[in-house]
Protein backbone atom coordinates (compact mmCIF):
# COMPACT_ATOMS: atom_id res chain seq x y z
CA MET A 1 -0.12 0.23 -0.18
CA SER A 2 1.61 3.42 -0.70
CA THR A 3 1.97 5.94 1.81
CA THR A 4 0.70 8.88 -0.41
CA LEU A 5 -2.96 7.91 -0.51
CA ASN A 6 -3.25 10.18 2.62
CA ALA A 7 -0.68 12.75 1.36
CA SER A 8 -1.56 16.47 1.17
CA THR A 9 0.29 19.33 -0.20
CA ILE A 10 0.93 23.26 0.92
CA PRO A 11 1.68 25.71 -1.35
CA LEU A 12 3.39 28.68 -0.03
CA THR A 13 3.10 31.92 -1.72
CA ILE A 14 5.83 34.46 -0.43
CA LYS A 15 5.21 37.91 -0.74
CA HIS A 16 8.93 39.15 0.36
CA GLY A 17 11.17 37.67 -2.25
CA ASP A 18 14.32 36.14 -1.99
CA LEU A 19 15.65 37.53 1.00
CA ILE A 20 13.37 35.28 3.13
CA LEU A 21 13.36 32.11 1.30
CA GLN A 22 16.14 30.84 3.27
CA PRO A 23 14.30 31.48 6.51
CA ILE A 24 11.51 29.91 5.69
CA ALA A 25 13.21 26.91 4.38
CA THR A 26 14.22 26.66 7.91
CA VAL A 27 11.29 26.94 9.61
CA ILE A 28 9.75 24.24 7.06
CA GLN A 29 12.82 21.68 8.24
CA ASP A 30 12.12 22.62 11.62
CA ASN A 31 8.29 21.69 11.13
CA ILE A 32 8.45 18.76 9.31
CA ARG A 33 8.55 14.96 10.14
CA ALA A 34 10.88 12.58 8.35
CA SER A 35 8.34 10.88 6.38
CA ASP A 36 7.46 14.64 4.92
CA ILE A 37 8.67 15.59 1.70
CA PRO A 38 9.26 19.38 1.11
CA CYS A 39 10.18 20.98 -2.23
CA ARG A 40 10.68 24.34 -3.55
CA TYR A 41 8.37 24.57 -6.49
CA GLY A 42 8.68 27.67 -8.75
CA GLY A 43 10.23 30.81 -7.60
CA GLU A 44 8.34 31.88 -4.44
CA GLU A 45 6.47 28.78 -3.74
CA PHE A 46 7.02 25.48 -1.67
CA ARG A 47 4.99 22.75 -1.28
CA ILE A 48 5.10 19.99 1.27
CA ILE A 49 3.92 16.33 1.07
CA TYR A 50 2.39 15.11 4.40
CA THR A 51 2.03 10.88 4.43
CA ASP A 52 0.12 8.63 6.42
CA ILE A 53 -1.70 11.69 8.52
CA SER A 54 -5.16 12.38 9.08
CA LEU A 55 -6.81 15.83 7.71
CA GLU A 56 -6.61 17.10 11.43
CA ASN A 57 -3.35 16.22 12.45
CA THR A 58 -2.27 17.95 8.77
CA ILE A 59 -4.15 21.23 9.81
CA ARG A 60 -2.39 21.15 13.22
CA LEU A 61 1.28 20.98 11.54
CA VAL A 62 0.28 23.49 8.85
CA ASP A 63 -1.24 26.01 11.79
CA LYS A 64 2.05 25.61 13.40
CA LEU A 65 4.07 26.27 10.52
CA ARG A 66 2.16 29.41 9.81
CA LYS A 67 2.65 30.61 13.33
CA ASP A 68 6.27 29.95 13.29
CA ILE A 69 6.59 31.68 9.61
CA SER A 70 4.84 34.82 11.12
CA LEU A 71 7.41 34.86 13.70
CA ILE A 72 10.34 35.23 11.04
CA ASP A 73 12.33 38.61 11.44
CA VAL A 74 13.43 39.97 8.42
CA HIS A 75 15.54 43.02 7.68
CA HIS A 76 16.88 44.83 4.65
CA ASN A 77 19.58 47.47 4.47
CA GLN A 78 18.93 47.32 8.51
CA MET A 79 15.21 48.13 8.46
CA ALA A 80 12.41 45.86 9.40
CA VAL A 81 10.65 44.18 5.64
CA GLY A 82 7.57 43.55 8.04
CA GLN A 83 5.38 40.32 8.97
CA VAL A 84 6.16 37.51 6.72
CA THR A 85 2.73 35.81 5.48
CA VAL A 86 1.81 32.87 3.62
CA SER A 87 -1.47 31.70 1.59
CA LEU A 88 -1.80 27.86 2.48
CA GLY A 89 -3.85 24.94 0.60
CA LEU A 90 -4.57 21.63 1.33
CA PRO A 91 -5.35 19.45 -1.33
CA MET A 92 -5.74 15.71 -0.63
CA ILE A 93 -5.83 12.03 -2.27
CA PRO A 94 -8.25 11.30 -3.47
CA GLU A 95 -10.59 14.57 -2.81
CA HIS A 96 -8.51 16.50 -4.99
CA ALA A 97 -6.45 14.55 -6.78
CA ASP A 98 -5.88 10.35 -7.88
CA ASN A 99 -2.57 10.05 -7.40
CA THR A 100 0.68 11.92 -6.24
CA VAL A 101 1.62 13.35 -9.74
CA GLU A 102 -2.10 15.02 -9.89
CA LEU A 103 -1.70 16.24 -6.11
CA PHE A 104 1.84 17.85 -6.83
CA SER A 105 0.22 19.72 -9.62
CA PHE A 106 -2.98 20.71 -7.93
CA LYS A 107 -3.73 24.54 -7.56
CA ILE A 108 -5.87 25.90 -4.76
CA GLN A 109 -7.81 28.62 -6.43
CA GLY A 110 -8.32 31.91 -4.56
């Protein structure tokens, strides 16, 4: 049985550019389990594939991730950039896709 049957991905759309990609990647790495698969997907988007996890537990992990990202302190030229925000989506197999290829390419509307 594939562990991807209960997988979800989270596209993270970052609004502050390259300056915060590394701190966000660090927060993601600090907030995933050994079985999760984090990926950079395009310029300012990350995807995390969570395996063998319920929707409720995924929501808990994603909420902690969102909170930790909002605490990132980014400065440019000795000036604060502002609070880092992300938009999140939780497409799931089989609700939004039939397999991991479709799941990975799923785009949350809105």
